[in-house]
Amino acid sequence: MKLNLVEKFITNNPIRAFGQRYIEGPMLRKMGSLKKYPLCLEIGCGRGIGAEIIVEQFGTDRVIATDIDPEQIERAKRGLKTEFKDRIEFKVSDAMALDESDETFDAVFSFGVIHHMEDWGKTIKEIARVLKHGGEFFFEEPLRGFTGIFTKGSLFSVIATHPEGGMFSFEEFRDELKDNKVDIINLKHFRKICIFGVGRKR
């Protein structure tokens, strides 16, 4: 699901970038169990800050960063720093139907993206499909306790509208991962608002 103008502003502003670089990135890095993640995938890359963080903080040789919105991909390409040009590839792709082959990536990243999907379960299946056995899935996601206030027709829907198909509880998220052979190995659970964690594919 493409973001509306307000959501794009929130996603592309410097405060969001600061949070990703200095809070979310380091927190997730400490949760991972591997020293290096040579080939990584990021879904919903937006302006490309997440891809830079993956290179800088996760011992990554190459990142394929995807987004369903061509406008966001063009923005990311324009803003790509010279030192990252050989290590980051931006491409338009739907996270519910990824172009990548099975068991390709050492790690997959979602910086608050899955709750935007029309069918979050299908997205999890795709992430598990392209992840190598022993590979890790890094996620930061708001839960239904938060996203539920942004349903269509609600007072907050003027700011953002999250699809019903993208809403889940922690238990639903955990069970969907497990059903797709991805076990959570590290987790920070902030009440019923959001989760940060890492899953490993069996």
C-alpha atoms as a PDB file:
ATOM      1  CA  MET A   1       0.000   0.000   0.000  1.00  0.00           C
ATOM      2  CA  LYS A   2       1.432   3.390  -1.016  1.00  0.00           C
ATOM      3  CA  LEU A   3       1.640   6.085   1.642  1.00  0.00           C
ATOM      4  CA  ASN A   4      -0.455   9.239   1.539  1.00  0.00           C
ATOM      5  CA  LEU A   5       1.128  12.716   1.618  1.00  0.00           C
ATOM      6  CA  VAL A   6       1.071  12.984   5.412  1.00  0.00           C
ATOM      7  CA  GLU A   7       2.637   9.539   5.835  1.00  0.00           C
ATOM      8  CA  LYS A   8       5.324  10.383   3.273  1.00  0.00           C
ATOM      9  CA  PHE A   9       6.135  13.558   5.188  1.00  0.00           C
ATOM     10  CA  ILE A  10       6.478  11.572   8.419  1.00  0.00           C
ATOM     11  CA  THR A  11       8.570   8.877   6.732  1.00  0.00           C
ATOM     12  CA  ASN A  12      10.881  11.261   4.887  1.00  0.00           C
ATOM     13  CA  ASN A  13      11.537  13.840   7.610  1.00  0.00           C
ATOM     14  CA  PRO A  14      14.886  14.172   9.455  1.00  0.00           C
ATOM     15  CA  ILE A  15      13.403  13.195  12.830  1.00  0.00           C
ATOM     16  CA  ARG A  16      12.395   9.788  11.462  1.00  0.00           C
ATOM     17  CA  ALA A  17      15.868   9.368   9.944  1.00  0.00           C
ATOM     18  CA  PHE A  18      17.482  10.256  13.286  1.00  0.00           C
ATOM     19  CA  GLY A  19      15.350   7.669  15.082  1.00  0.00           C
ATOM     20  CA  GLN A  20      16.243   4.966  12.580  1.00  0.00           C
ATOM     21  CA  ARG A  21      19.967   5.710  12.625  1.00  0.00           C
ATOM     22  CA  TYR A  22      20.550   6.248  16.340  1.00  0.00           C
ATOM     23  CA  ILE A  23      17.792   4.289  18.098  1.00  0.00           C
ATOM     24  CA  GLU A  24      16.212   1.558  15.958  1.00  0.00           C
ATOM     25  CA  GLY A  25      19.347   0.523  14.052  1.00  0.00           C
ATOM     26  CA  PRO A  26      21.623   0.096  17.107  1.00  0.00           C
ATOM     27  CA  MET A  27      18.838  -1.611  19.087  1.00  0.00           C
ATOM     28  CA  LEU A  28      18.214  -4.164  16.355  1.00  0.00           C
ATOM     29  CA  ARG A  29      21.944  -4.708  15.765  1.00  0.00           C
ATOM     30  CA  LYS A  30      22.420  -5.762  19.377  1.00  0.00           C
ATOM     31  CA  MET A  31      19.583  -8.262  18.975  1.00  0.00           C
ATOM     32  CA  GLY A  32      21.137 -10.034  15.986  1.00  0.00           C
ATOM     33  CA  SER A  33      23.286 -13.114  16.540  1.00  0.00           C
ATOM     34  CA  LEU A  34      25.565 -13.057  13.488  1.00  0.00           C
ATOM     35  CA  LYS A  35      28.752 -11.029  13.074  1.00  0.00           C
ATOM     36  CA  LYS A  36      28.069 -10.269   9.423  1.00  0.00           C
ATOM     37  CA  TYR A  37      25.108 -10.254   7.060  1.00  0.00           C
ATOM     38  CA  PRO A  38      26.714 -10.245   3.576  1.00  0.00           C
ATOM     39  CA  LEU A  39      23.540  -9.947   1.462  1.00  0.00           C
ATOM     40  CA  CYS A  40      20.464  -8.182   2.829  1.00  0.00           C
ATOM     41  CA  LEU A  41      16.997  -7.171   1.691  1.00  0.00           C
ATOM     42  CA  GLU A  42      15.024  -4.215   2.971  1.00  0.00           C
ATOM     43  CA  ILE A  43      11.309  -3.980   2.234  1.00  0.00           C
ATOM     44  CA  GLY A  44       9.610  -0.574   2.119  1.00  0.00           C
ATOM     45  CA  CYS A  45      12.874   1.362   1.967  1.00  0.00           C
ATOM     46  CA  GLY A  46      11.319   4.798   1.440  1.00  0.00           C
ATOM     47  CA  ARG A  47      14.000   7.473   1.043  1.00  0.00           C
ATOM     48  CA  GLY A  48      16.802   4.945   1.638  1.00  0.00           C
ATOM     49  CA  ILE A  49      18.002   5.732   5.164  1.00  0.00           C
ATOM     50  CA  GLY A  50      17.388   2.163   6.326  1.00  0.00           C
ATOM     51  CA  ALA A  51      19.603   0.749   3.568  1.00  0.00           C
ATOM     52  CA  GLU A  52      22.450   3.050   4.634  1.00  0.00           C
ATOM     53  CA  ILE A  53      22.034   1.926   8.248  1.00  0.00           C
ATOM     54  CA  ILE A  54      22.175  -1.729   7.210  1.00  0.00           C
ATOM     55  CA  VAL A  55      25.494  -1.125   5.427  1.00  0.00           C
ATOM     56  CA  GLU A  56      26.953   0.966   8.238  1.00  0.00           C
ATOM     57  CA  GLN A  57      25.845  -1.100  11.226  1.00  0.00           C
ATOM     58  CA  PHE A  58      25.294  -4.712  10.134  1.00  0.00           C
ATOM     59  CA  GLY A  59      28.507  -5.746   8.370  1.00  0.00           C
ATOM     60  CA  THR A  60      26.742  -5.930   5.034  1.00  0.00           C
ATOM     61  CA  ASP A  61      28.423  -6.215   1.644  1.00  0.00           C
ATOM     62  CA  ARG A  62      25.282  -5.521  -0.378  1.00  0.00           C
ATOM     63  CA  VAL A  63      21.701  -4.418   0.206  1.00  0.00           C
ATOM     64  CA  ILE A  64      18.763  -4.697  -2.157  1.00  0.00           C
ATOM     65  CA  ALA A  65      16.285  -2.077  -0.956  1.00  0.00           C
ATOM     66  CA  THR A  66      12.740  -2.221  -2.296  1.00  0.00           C
ATOM     67  CA  ASP A  67       9.608  -0.093  -2.217  1.00  0.00           C
ATOM     68  CA  ILE A  68       6.287  -0.359  -4.035  1.00  0.00           C
ATOM     69  CA  ASP A  69       6.280   3.396  -4.751  1.00  0.00           C
ATOM     70  CA  PRO A  70       8.424   4.426  -7.779  1.00  0.00           C
ATOM     71  CA  GLU A  71       8.529   8.000  -6.462  1.00  0.00           C
ATOM     72  CA  GLN A  72      10.181   6.859  -3.233  1.00  0.00           C
ATOM     73  CA  ILE A  73      12.688   4.731  -5.144  1.00  0.00           C
ATOM     74  CA  GLU A  74      13.665   7.698  -7.325  1.00  0.00           C
ATOM     75  CA  ARG A  75      14.060   9.820  -4.206  1.00  0.00           C
ATOM     76  CA  ALA A  76      16.297   7.161  -2.647  1.00  0.00           C
ATOM     77  CA  LYS A  77      18.446   6.925  -5.779  1.00  0.00           C
ATOM     78  CA  ARG A  78      18.896  10.705  -5.914  1.00  0.00           C
ATOM     79  CA  GLY A  79      19.939  10.839  -2.271  1.00  0.00           C
ATOM     80  CA  LEU A  80      22.319   7.872  -2.364  1.00  0.00           C
ATOM     81  CA  LYS A  81      25.765   8.833  -1.105  1.00  0.00           C
ATOM     82  CA  THR A  82      28.741   8.064  -3.328  1.00  0.00           C
ATOM     83  CA  GLU A  83      30.307   5.680  -0.812  1.00  0.00           C
ATOM     84  CA  PHE A  84      27.215   3.459  -0.911  1.00  0.00           C
ATOM     85  CA  LYS A  85      26.679   3.277  -4.675  1.00  0.00           C
ATOM     86  CA  ASP A  86      28.438  -0.083  -5.086  1.00  0.00           C
ATOM     87  CA  ARG A  87      26.690  -1.623  -2.092  1.00  0.00           C
ATOM     88  CA  ILE A  88      23.038  -0.527  -2.306  1.00  0.00           C
ATOM     89  CA  GLU A  89      20.591  -1.282  -5.116  1.00  0.00           C
ATOM     90  CA  PHE A  90      17.156   0.364  -5.070  1.00  0.00           C
ATOM     91  CA  LYS A  91      14.312  -1.253  -6.976  1.00  0.00           C
ATOM     92  CA  VAL A  92      10.521  -1.093  -7.229  1.00  0.00           C
ATOM     93  CA  SER A  93       9.001  -4.264  -5.786  1.00  0.00           C
ATOM     94  CA  ASP A  94       5.883  -5.373  -3.932  1.00  0.00           C
ATOM     95  CA  ALA A  95       6.716  -6.968  -0.561  1.00  0.00           C
ATOM     96  CA  MET A  96       3.713  -9.284  -0.980  1.00  0.00           C
ATOM     97  CA  ALA A  97       5.202 -10.663  -4.229  1.00  0.00           C
ATOM     98  CA  LEU A  98       8.978 -10.236  -4.170  1.00  0.00           C
ATOM     99  CA  ASP A  99      11.024 -10.695  -7.342  1.00  0.00           C
ATOM    100  CA  GLU A 100      13.863 -12.432  -5.503  1.00  0.00           C
ATOM    101  CA  SER A 101      14.697 -16.151  -5.586  1.00  0.00           C
ATOM    102  CA  ASP A 102      14.126 -18.544  -2.696  1.00  0.00           C
ATOM    103  CA  GLU A 103      16.701 -18.610   0.117  1.00  0.00           C
ATOM    104  CA  THR A 104      18.730 -15.670  -1.197  1.00  0.00           C
ATOM    105  CA  PHE A 105      19.314 -13.341   1.764  1.00  0.00           C
ATOM    106  CA  ASP A 106      21.294 -13.529   4.992  1.00  0.00           C
ATOM    107  CA  ALA A 107      18.933 -10.980   6.541  1.00  0.00           C
ATOM    108  CA  VAL A 108      15.680  -9.182   5.741  1.00  0.00           C
ATOM    109  CA  PHE A 109      14.704  -5.856   7.323  1.00  0.00           C
ATOM    110  CA  SER A 110      11.370  -4.142   7.934  1.00  0.00           C
ATOM    111  CA  PHE A 111      11.563  -0.741   9.610  1.00  0.00           C
ATOM    112  CA  GLY A 112       7.864  -0.345  10.377  1.00  0.00           C
ATOM    113  CA  VAL A 113       6.565  -1.471   6.987  1.00  0.00           C
ATOM    114  CA  ILE A 114       4.509  -4.661   7.370  1.00  0.00           C
ATOM    115  CA  HIS A 115       1.529  -2.913   8.975  1.00  0.00           C
ATOM    116  CA  HIS A 116       1.077  -0.947   5.724  1.00  0.00           C
ATOM    117  CA  MET A 117       0.436  -4.141   3.735  1.00  0.00           C
ATOM    118  CA  GLU A 118      -2.999  -5.171   2.514  1.00  0.00           C
ATOM    119  CA  ASP A 119      -2.144  -8.755   3.504  1.00  0.00           C
ATOM    120  CA  TRP A 120       0.562  -8.840   6.159  1.00  0.00           C
ATOM    121  CA  GLY A 121       0.529 -12.644   6.319  1.00  0.00           C
ATOM    122  CA  LYS A 122       1.438 -12.862   2.643  1.00  0.00           C
ATOM    123  CA  THR A 123       4.329 -10.476   3.310  1.00  0.00           C
ATOM    124  CA  ILE A 124       5.648 -12.721   6.092  1.00  0.00           C
ATOM    125  CA  LYS A 125       5.477 -15.714   3.744  1.00  0.00           C
ATOM    126  CA  GLU A 126       7.527 -13.830   1.146  1.00  0.00           C
ATOM    127  CA  ILE A 127      10.115 -12.750   3.714  1.00  0.00           C
ATOM    128  CA  ALA A 128      10.497 -16.346   4.906  1.00  0.00           C
ATOM    129  CA  ARG A 129      10.730 -17.603   1.329  1.00  0.00           C
ATOM    130  CA  VAL A 130      13.662 -15.374   0.342  1.00  0.00           C
ATOM    131  CA  LEU A 131      15.511 -15.781   3.663  1.00  0.00           C
ATOM    132  CA  LYS A 132      18.278 -18.376   3.846  1.00  0.00           C
ATOM    133  CA  HIS A 133      18.084 -21.124   6.453  1.00  0.00           C
ATOM    134  CA  GLY A 134      19.777 -19.628   9.499  1.00  0.00           C
ATOM    135  CA  GLY A 135      19.185 -16.132   8.131  1.00  0.00           C
ATOM    136  CA  GLU A 136      17.625 -13.456  10.306  1.00  0.00           C
ATOM    137  CA  PHE A 137      14.593 -11.204   9.981  1.00  0.00           C
ATOM    138  CA  PHE A 138      14.872  -7.819  11.720  1.00  0.00           C
ATOM    139  CA  PHE A 139      11.603  -6.059  12.426  1.00  0.00           C
ATOM    140  CA  GLU A 140      10.170  -2.977  14.096  1.00  0.00           C
ATOM    141  CA  GLU A 141       6.383  -2.890  13.905  1.00  0.00           C
ATOM    142  CA  PRO A 142       3.444  -1.151  15.597  1.00  0.00           C
ATOM    143  CA  LEU A 143       0.717  -3.482  16.845  1.00  0.00           C
ATOM    144  CA  ARG A 144      -3.062  -3.358  16.528  1.00  0.00           C
ATOM    145  CA  GLY A 145      -3.259  -1.430  19.819  1.00  0.00           C
ATOM    146  CA  PHE A 146      -1.737   1.498  17.917  1.00  0.00           C
ATOM    147  CA  THR A 147      -2.613   0.955  14.250  1.00  0.00           C
ATOM    148  CA  GLY A 148      -6.253   0.289  15.150  1.00  0.00           C
ATOM    149  CA  ILE A 149      -6.872   3.993  15.740  1.00  0.00           C
ATOM    150  CA  PHE A 150      -6.076   4.686  12.073  1.00  0.00           C
ATOM    151  CA  THR A 151      -8.833   2.579  10.531  1.00  0.00           C
ATOM    152  CA  LYS A 152     -10.858   4.031   7.674  1.00  0.00           C
ATOM    153  CA  GLY A 153     -13.517   6.422   8.946  1.00  0.00           C
ATOM    154  CA  SER A 154     -11.841   7.049  12.305  1.00  0.00           C
ATOM    155  CA  LEU A 155     -10.903  10.527  13.529  1.00  0.00           C
ATOM    156  CA  PHE A 156      -7.217   9.765  12.967  1.00  0.00           C
ATOM    157  CA  SER A 157      -7.728   8.532   9.396  1.00  0.00           C
ATOM    158  CA  VAL A 158      -7.232  12.105   8.162  1.00  0.00           C
ATOM    159  CA  ILE A 159      -3.573  11.638   9.154  1.00  0.00           C
ATOM    160  CA  ALA A 160      -3.068   8.068   7.976  1.00  0.00           C
ATOM    161  CA  THR A 161      -5.183   5.070   7.042  1.00  0.00           C
ATOM    162  CA  HIS A 162      -3.797   1.641   7.817  1.00  0.00           C
ATOM    163  CA  PRO A 163      -5.409  -1.304   6.025  1.00  0.00           C
ATOM    164  CA  GLU A 164      -7.311  -3.812   8.145  1.00  0.00           C
ATOM    165  CA  GLY A 165      -5.217  -6.504   6.472  1.00  0.00           C
ATOM    166  CA  GLY A 166      -2.083  -4.975   7.965  1.00  0.00           C
ATOM    167  CA  MET A 167      -3.180  -5.065  11.598  1.00  0.00           C
ATOM    168  CA  PHE A 168      -2.004  -7.745  14.003  1.00  0.00           C
ATOM    169  CA  SER A 169      -1.328  -8.508  17.641  1.00  0.00           C
ATOM    170  CA  PHE A 170       2.051  -9.729  18.841  1.00  0.00           C
ATOM    171  CA  GLU A 171       0.685 -13.257  19.192  1.00  0.00           C
ATOM    172  CA  GLU A 172      -0.633 -13.270  15.624  1.00  0.00           C
ATOM    173  CA  PHE A 173       2.679 -11.924  14.316  1.00  0.00           C
ATOM    174  CA  ARG A 174       4.701 -14.494  16.292  1.00  0.00           C
ATOM    175  CA  ASP A 175       2.498 -17.383  15.177  1.00  0.00           C
ATOM    176  CA  GLU A 176       2.624 -16.359  11.513  1.00  0.00           C
ATOM    177  CA  LEU A 177       6.415 -16.268  11.672  1.00  0.00           C
ATOM    178  CA  LYS A 178       6.499 -19.680  13.353  1.00  0.00           C
ATOM    179  CA  ASP A 179       4.163 -21.140  10.722  1.00  0.00           C
ATOM    180  CA  ASN A 180       6.705 -20.004   8.126  1.00  0.00           C
ATOM    181  CA  LYS A 181       9.673 -21.540   9.975  1.00  0.00           C
ATOM    182  CA  VAL A 182      10.920 -18.279  11.478  1.00  0.00           C
ATOM    183  CA  ASP A 183      11.407 -18.319  15.251  1.00  0.00           C
ATOM    184  CA  ILE A 184      11.762 -15.121  17.272  1.00  0.00           C
ATOM    185  CA  ILE A 185      15.146 -15.231  19.023  1.00  0.00           C
ATOM    186  CA  ASN A 186      15.164 -11.750  20.549  1.00  0.00           C
ATOM    187  CA  LEU A 187      12.333  -9.354  21.313  1.00  0.00           C
ATOM    188  CA  LYS A 188      11.484  -6.055  22.964  1.00  0.00           C
ATOM    189  CA  HIS A 189       7.731  -5.756  23.484  1.00  0.00           C
ATOM    190  CA  PHE A 190       6.431  -2.298  24.379  1.00  0.00           C
ATOM    191  CA  ARG A 191       3.052  -3.147  25.911  1.00  0.00           C
ATOM    192  CA  LYS A 192       0.506  -3.493  23.105  1.00  0.00           C
ATOM    193  CA  ILE A 193       1.941  -0.625  21.069  1.00  0.00           C
ATOM    194  CA  CYS A 194       4.968  -1.933  19.171  1.00  0.00           C
ATOM    195  CA  ILE A 195       7.611  -4.637  18.935  1.00  0.00           C
ATOM    196  CA  PHE A 196      11.300  -4.707  18.016  1.00  0.00           C
ATOM    197  CA  GLY A 197      12.892  -8.052  17.358  1.00  0.00           C
ATOM    198  CA  VAL A 198      14.775 -10.640  15.362  1.00  0.00           C
ATOM    199  CA  GLY A 199      13.596 -13.955  13.979  1.00  0.00           C
ATOM    200  CA  ARG A 200      15.759 -16.753  12.616  1.00  0.00           C
ATOM    201  CA  LYS A 201      14.693 -19.131   9.858  1.00  0.00           C
ATOM    202  CA  ARG A 202      14.896 -22.812  10.701  1.00  0.00           C
END
